[in-house]
N, C-alpha and C. Protein backbone atom coordinates (compact mmCIF):
# COMPACT_ATOMS: atom_id res chain seq x y z
N GLN A 1 153.73 -71.15 153.18
CA GLN A 1 155.02 -70.99 152.78
C GLN A 1 155.01 -69.46 152.13
N VAL A 2 156.07 -68.75 152.82
CA VAL A 2 156.11 -67.32 152.24
C VAL A 2 156.94 -67.30 151.06
N GLN A 3 156.47 -66.57 150.08
CA GLN A 3 157.29 -66.35 148.86
C GLN A 3 157.14 -64.86 148.41
N LEU A 4 158.35 -64.37 148.05
CA LEU A 4 158.36 -63.13 147.45
C LEU A 4 158.98 -63.15 146.08
N VAL A 5 158.31 -62.67 145.17
CA VAL A 5 158.70 -62.84 143.69
C VAL A 5 158.96 -61.48 143.08
N GLU A 6 160.13 -61.14 142.70
CA GLU A 6 160.37 -59.82 141.96
C GLU A 6 160.28 -60.08 140.46
N SER A 7 159.96 -59.03 140.03
CA SER A 7 160.00 -58.88 138.57
C SER A 7 160.14 -57.42 138.07
N GLY A 8 160.59 -57.30 136.59
CA GLY A 8 160.70 -55.87 136.12
C GLY A 8 162.02 -55.41 136.00
N GLY A 9 162.96 -56.32 136.29
CA GLY A 9 164.43 -55.69 136.26
C GLY A 9 164.90 -55.63 134.71
N GLY A 10 166.16 -55.31 134.60
CA GLY A 10 166.61 -55.37 133.22
C GLY A 10 167.70 -54.28 133.02
N LEU A 11 168.05 -54.07 131.73
CA LEU A 11 169.01 -53.14 131.33
C LEU A 11 168.33 -51.86 130.79
N VAL A 12 168.81 -50.58 131.39
CA VAL A 12 168.31 -49.45 130.91
C VAL A 12 169.45 -48.53 130.70
N GLN A 13 169.25 -47.38 129.85
CA GLN A 13 170.29 -46.35 129.81
C GLN A 13 170.18 -45.41 130.93
N ALA A 14 171.15 -44.67 131.21
CA ALA A 14 171.17 -43.72 132.23
C ALA A 14 170.13 -42.66 131.93
N GLY A 15 169.42 -42.19 132.85
CA GLY A 15 168.28 -41.22 132.58
C GLY A 15 166.94 -41.92 132.44
N GLY A 16 166.96 -43.34 132.08
CA GLY A 16 165.64 -43.94 131.87
C GLY A 16 165.00 -44.36 133.21
N SER A 17 163.95 -45.19 133.01
CA SER A 17 163.01 -45.76 134.17
C SER A 17 162.81 -47.00 134.02
N LEU A 18 162.45 -47.74 135.21
CA LEU A 18 162.14 -48.92 135.54
C LEU A 18 161.13 -49.12 136.49
N THR A 19 160.25 -49.94 136.46
CA THR A 19 159.39 -50.33 137.63
C THR A 19 159.43 -51.79 138.10
N LEU A 20 159.95 -51.79 139.36
CA LEU A 20 159.98 -53.30 139.90
C LEU A 20 158.79 -53.59 140.52
N SER A 21 158.42 -54.93 140.58
CA SER A 21 157.17 -55.50 141.25
C SER A 21 157.68 -56.58 142.19
N CYS A 22 157.06 -56.73 143.28
CA CYS A 22 157.31 -57.89 144.23
C CYS A 22 155.94 -58.33 144.69
N ARG A 23 155.67 -59.52 144.25
CA ARG A 23 154.34 -60.08 144.56
C ARG A 23 154.57 -61.13 145.84
N ALA A 24 153.74 -60.96 146.81
CA ALA A 24 154.05 -61.73 148.03
C ALA A 24 152.88 -62.83 148.01
N SER A 25 153.27 -63.78 148.75
CA SER A 25 152.17 -64.78 149.10
C SER A 25 152.49 -65.52 150.37
N GLY A 26 151.61 -66.04 151.07
CA GLY A 26 151.77 -66.78 152.26
C GLY A 26 151.95 -65.83 153.53
N ILE A 27 151.58 -64.44 153.39
CA ILE A 27 151.62 -63.64 154.53
C ILE A 27 150.36 -62.71 154.46
N SER A 28 149.97 -62.22 155.60
CA SER A 28 148.98 -61.17 155.64
C SER A 28 149.62 -59.80 155.03
N PHE A 29 149.62 -59.68 153.74
CA PHE A 29 150.31 -58.67 153.22
C PHE A 29 149.98 -57.24 153.67
N SER A 30 148.67 -57.00 153.76
CA SER A 30 148.19 -55.54 154.06
C SER A 30 148.68 -55.18 155.36
N LEU A 31 149.18 -56.13 156.31
CA LEU A 31 149.49 -55.80 157.64
C LEU A 31 150.97 -55.53 157.83
N ASN A 32 151.77 -55.66 156.82
CA ASN A 32 153.04 -55.63 156.92
C ASN A 32 153.73 -54.54 156.19
N THR A 33 154.93 -54.07 156.87
CA THR A 33 155.87 -53.16 156.10
C THR A 33 156.67 -53.91 155.13
N MET A 34 156.87 -53.27 153.82
CA MET A 34 157.39 -53.92 152.75
C MET A 34 158.63 -53.06 152.54
N TYR A 35 159.66 -53.75 152.06
CA TYR A 35 161.01 -53.12 151.91
C TYR A 35 161.61 -53.40 150.60
N TRP A 36 162.32 -52.50 149.93
CA TRP A 36 163.31 -52.83 148.84
C TRP A 36 164.59 -52.46 149.39
N TYR A 37 165.55 -53.46 148.94
CA TYR A 37 166.97 -53.35 149.34
C TYR A 37 167.63 -53.64 147.90
N ARG A 38 168.96 -53.08 147.92
CA ARG A 38 169.77 -53.38 146.77
C ARG A 38 171.26 -53.78 147.16
N GLN A 39 171.83 -54.56 146.43
CA GLN A 39 173.18 -54.88 146.67
C GLN A 39 174.05 -54.77 145.54
N ALA A 40 174.97 -53.79 145.26
CA ALA A 40 175.87 -53.63 144.15
C ALA A 40 177.16 -54.64 144.41
N PRO A 41 177.78 -55.05 143.44
CA PRO A 41 178.99 -55.83 143.62
C PRO A 41 180.05 -55.37 144.59
N GLY A 42 180.54 -55.89 145.57
CA GLY A 42 181.49 -55.48 146.45
C GLY A 42 180.86 -54.49 147.52
N ASN A 43 179.68 -54.36 147.55
CA ASN A 43 179.08 -53.43 148.57
C ASN A 43 178.00 -54.41 149.40
N GLN A 44 177.83 -53.64 150.64
CA GLN A 44 176.70 -54.29 151.44
C GLN A 44 175.45 -54.02 150.96
N ARG A 45 174.43 -54.96 151.28
CA ARG A 45 173.12 -54.69 150.95
C ARG A 45 172.58 -53.49 151.63
N GLU A 46 171.81 -52.48 150.95
CA GLU A 46 171.37 -51.24 151.55
C GLU A 46 169.90 -51.22 151.27
N LEU A 47 169.35 -50.39 152.30
CA LEU A 47 167.84 -50.14 152.16
C LEU A 47 167.70 -49.00 151.17
N VAL A 48 166.66 -49.35 150.16
CA VAL A 48 166.26 -48.38 149.09
C VAL A 48 165.07 -47.41 149.66
N ALA A 49 164.11 -48.25 150.04
CA ALA A 49 162.86 -47.62 150.49
C ALA A 49 161.97 -48.62 151.09
N ASP A 50 160.99 -48.15 152.02
CA ASP A 50 160.05 -49.04 152.66
C ASP A 50 158.77 -48.33 152.65
N ILE A 51 157.66 -49.06 152.88
CA ILE A 51 156.20 -48.66 152.86
C ILE A 51 155.72 -49.42 154.06
N THR A 52 154.94 -48.71 154.87
CA THR A 52 154.12 -49.28 156.01
C THR A 52 152.95 -49.80 155.64
N SER A 53 152.18 -50.48 156.40
CA SER A 53 150.81 -51.02 156.12
C SER A 53 150.04 -49.89 155.87
N GLY A 54 150.22 -48.71 156.56
CA GLY A 54 149.30 -47.40 156.49
C GLY A 54 149.75 -46.55 155.29
N GLY A 55 150.85 -46.88 154.59
CA GLY A 55 151.29 -46.23 153.40
C GLY A 55 152.33 -45.20 153.64
N LEU A 56 152.76 -45.16 154.83
CA LEU A 56 153.92 -44.06 154.98
C LEU A 56 155.25 -44.65 154.30
N ARG A 57 155.95 -43.67 153.76
CA ARG A 57 156.98 -44.11 152.88
C ARG A 57 158.45 -43.50 153.50
N ASN A 58 159.42 -44.25 153.32
CA ASN A 58 160.88 -43.96 153.75
C ASN A 58 161.79 -44.21 152.52
N TYR A 59 162.61 -43.28 152.40
CA TYR A 59 163.65 -43.52 151.20
C TYR A 59 164.99 -43.32 151.77
N ALA A 60 165.98 -43.99 151.14
CA ALA A 60 167.44 -43.55 151.36
C ALA A 60 167.74 -42.48 150.61
N ASP A 61 168.62 -41.59 151.22
CA ASP A 61 168.89 -40.29 150.67
C ASP A 61 169.30 -40.33 149.32
N SER A 62 169.91 -41.32 148.69
CA SER A 62 170.41 -41.59 147.34
C SER A 62 169.19 -41.75 146.52
N THR A 63 168.06 -42.18 146.89
CA THR A 63 166.99 -42.31 146.04
C THR A 63 165.85 -41.36 146.07
N LYS A 64 165.80 -40.67 147.10
CA LYS A 64 164.68 -39.42 147.38
C LYS A 64 164.72 -38.54 146.06
N GLY A 65 163.34 -38.44 145.62
CA GLY A 65 163.14 -37.60 144.43
C GLY A 65 163.15 -38.43 143.20
N ARG A 66 163.83 -39.55 143.10
CA ARG A 66 163.82 -40.24 141.90
C ARG A 66 163.00 -41.59 141.92
N PHE A 67 162.91 -42.32 143.09
CA PHE A 67 162.27 -43.52 143.30
C PHE A 67 161.04 -43.32 144.12
N THR A 68 160.06 -44.09 143.69
CA THR A 68 158.82 -44.01 144.50
C THR A 68 158.33 -45.52 144.70
N ILE A 69 158.01 -45.76 146.06
CA ILE A 69 157.50 -47.04 146.44
C ILE A 69 155.87 -46.93 146.56
N SER A 70 155.32 -48.07 146.28
CA SER A 70 153.93 -48.08 146.38
C SER A 70 153.43 -49.41 146.77
N ARG A 71 152.24 -49.60 147.04
CA ARG A 71 151.70 -51.04 147.20
C ARG A 71 150.28 -51.09 146.77
N ASP A 72 149.99 -52.31 146.33
CA ASP A 72 148.62 -52.59 146.03
C ASP A 72 148.20 -53.94 146.94
N ASN A 73 147.48 -53.59 147.94
CA ASN A 73 147.09 -54.66 148.83
C ASN A 73 146.15 -55.70 148.29
N ALA A 74 145.33 -55.31 147.35
CA ALA A 74 144.37 -56.17 146.77
C ALA A 74 145.22 -57.14 145.90
N LYS A 75 146.38 -56.81 145.42
CA LYS A 75 147.18 -57.83 144.64
C LYS A 75 148.41 -58.36 145.27
N ASN A 76 148.61 -58.00 146.54
CA ASN A 76 149.77 -58.50 147.52
C ASN A 76 150.98 -58.05 146.76
N THR A 77 151.15 -56.81 146.21
CA THR A 77 152.14 -56.46 145.39
C THR A 77 152.58 -55.05 145.91
N VAL A 78 154.11 -55.02 145.88
CA VAL A 78 154.70 -53.70 146.10
C VAL A 78 155.63 -53.45 144.97
N PHE A 79 155.58 -52.20 144.76
CA PHE A 79 156.24 -51.59 143.54
C PHE A 79 157.34 -50.54 143.87
N LEU A 80 158.37 -50.59 142.96
CA LEU A 80 159.38 -49.62 143.19
C LEU A 80 159.64 -48.95 141.78
N GLN A 81 158.93 -47.71 141.53
CA GLN A 81 159.08 -46.98 140.41
C GLN A 81 160.52 -46.23 140.45
N MET A 82 161.39 -46.51 139.55
CA MET A 82 162.70 -45.75 139.42
C MET A 82 162.77 -44.98 138.19
N ASN A 83 162.96 -43.63 138.56
CA ASN A 83 163.18 -42.62 137.39
C ASN A 83 164.46 -42.11 137.44
N SER A 84 165.09 -41.48 136.34
CA SER A 84 166.33 -40.75 136.34
C SER A 84 167.43 -41.70 136.77
N LEU A 85 167.55 -42.97 136.44
CA LEU A 85 168.38 -43.85 136.71
C LEU A 85 169.73 -43.49 136.42
N GLU A 86 170.68 -43.91 137.26
CA GLU A 86 172.24 -43.71 137.32
C GLU A 86 172.98 -44.93 137.22
N PRO A 87 174.09 -44.91 136.64
CA PRO A 87 174.93 -46.14 136.64
C PRO A 87 175.13 -46.62 138.15
N GLU A 88 175.13 -45.68 139.03
CA GLU A 88 175.41 -46.08 140.50
C GLU A 88 174.15 -46.93 141.05
N ASP A 89 173.06 -46.88 140.35
CA ASP A 89 171.87 -47.61 140.76
C ASP A 89 171.89 -49.07 140.21
N THR A 90 172.97 -49.43 139.64
CA THR A 90 173.18 -50.95 139.02
C THR A 90 173.38 -51.74 140.45
N ALA A 91 172.52 -52.72 140.56
CA ALA A 91 172.59 -53.58 141.64
C ALA A 91 171.58 -54.68 141.42
N VAL A 92 171.68 -55.52 142.31
CA VAL A 92 170.67 -56.66 142.48
C VAL A 92 169.61 -56.20 143.54
N TYR A 93 168.27 -55.99 143.12
CA TYR A 93 167.37 -55.44 143.98
C TYR A 93 166.52 -56.53 144.70
N TYR A 94 166.21 -56.32 145.98
CA TYR A 94 165.65 -57.42 146.73
C TYR A 94 164.37 -56.86 147.29
N CYS A 95 163.31 -57.74 147.33
CA CYS A 95 162.18 -57.34 148.20
C CYS A 95 162.23 -58.03 149.66
N ARG A 96 161.72 -57.47 150.59
CA ARG A 96 161.81 -58.00 151.98
C ARG A 96 160.64 -57.65 152.74
N VAL A 97 160.33 -58.58 153.59
CA VAL A 97 159.11 -58.34 154.52
C VAL A 97 159.72 -58.86 156.02
N ARG A 98 159.28 -58.02 156.88
CA ARG A 98 159.38 -58.63 158.21
C ARG A 98 157.87 -58.75 158.80
N THR A 99 157.56 -60.07 159.11
CA THR A 99 156.11 -60.15 159.48
C THR A 99 155.70 -59.66 160.86
N THR A 100 154.44 -59.70 161.07
CA THR A 100 154.11 -59.24 162.45
C THR A 100 154.57 -60.31 163.65
N THR A 101 154.99 -61.57 163.13
CA THR A 101 155.51 -62.43 164.09
C THR A 101 157.03 -62.30 164.23
N GLY A 102 157.76 -61.31 163.56
CA GLY A 102 159.08 -61.02 163.55
C GLY A 102 159.88 -61.73 162.59
N ASN A 103 159.23 -62.59 161.88
CA ASN A 103 160.18 -63.45 160.78
C ASN A 103 160.44 -62.61 159.61
N ILE A 104 161.72 -62.71 159.00
CA ILE A 104 162.21 -61.89 157.84
C ILE A 104 162.30 -62.84 156.82
N TYR A 105 161.68 -62.32 155.62
CA TYR A 105 161.79 -63.09 154.43
C TYR A 105 162.29 -62.27 153.22
N TRP A 106 163.09 -62.71 152.36
CA TRP A 106 163.71 -62.05 151.19
C TRP A 106 163.15 -62.69 149.92
N GLY A 107 163.07 -61.81 148.88
CA GLY A 107 162.85 -62.41 147.38
C GLY A 107 164.29 -62.75 146.83
N GLN A 108 164.15 -63.45 145.72
CA GLN A 108 165.31 -64.02 145.15
C GLN A 108 166.40 -62.87 144.49
N GLY A 109 165.87 -61.81 144.41
CA GLY A 109 166.56 -60.68 143.76
C GLY A 109 166.39 -60.65 142.43
N ILE A 110 166.57 -59.26 141.86
CA ILE A 110 166.45 -59.09 140.41
C ILE A 110 167.44 -58.15 139.99
N GLN A 111 168.13 -58.28 138.86
CA GLN A 111 169.16 -57.40 138.53
C GLN A 111 168.62 -56.29 137.75
N VAL A 112 169.20 -55.13 138.22
CA VAL A 112 168.95 -53.77 137.34
C VAL A 112 170.25 -53.41 137.01
N THR A 113 170.44 -53.11 135.57
CA THR A 113 171.73 -52.55 135.16
C THR A 113 171.53 -51.13 134.44
N VAL A 114 172.27 -50.31 134.69
CA VAL A 114 172.12 -48.91 134.11
C VAL A 114 173.32 -48.59 133.38
N SER A 115 173.20 -48.45 132.17
CA SER A 115 174.41 -48.20 131.28
C SER A 115 174.55 -46.76 131.08
N SER A 116 176.00 -46.24 131.06
CA SER A 116 176.19 -44.84 130.99
C SER A 116 176.20 -44.48 129.46
C-alpha cells in the first residue's frame, strides 16, 4: 500500500520560512521522481517543484530562488524548503509520485497559510 504523508505546514508571516516534509512508504522511493504541488482556493492544482531520482530539480517560475526541493533516500522523504514566503503562496500543498509502473499517488495535503 502506497502512502505519502506530508508534515510541516502551518501559519507564517510574510517573509518567513517553512519546511514541508513528505514521507513515502510502499514504493521504491529512490527510483522515483517526487513532486510538490499546491492548490489555492478557486485555483487549479499547480506544480511547485520536482526532483528526479538522480537529484535534478525543476521549479515553477513563481518559486524559483525562494523554494528548494531536496530528498533523503535513506529516509524515504522529500522536502520543500520555502523561504521569503508571500501571501500568494497560501495553499494546500500536496506531495505526489508517479511510480516506475506509471501509477500516480497523492498525499492528503497540508495547509500553508502566509499572513500579510
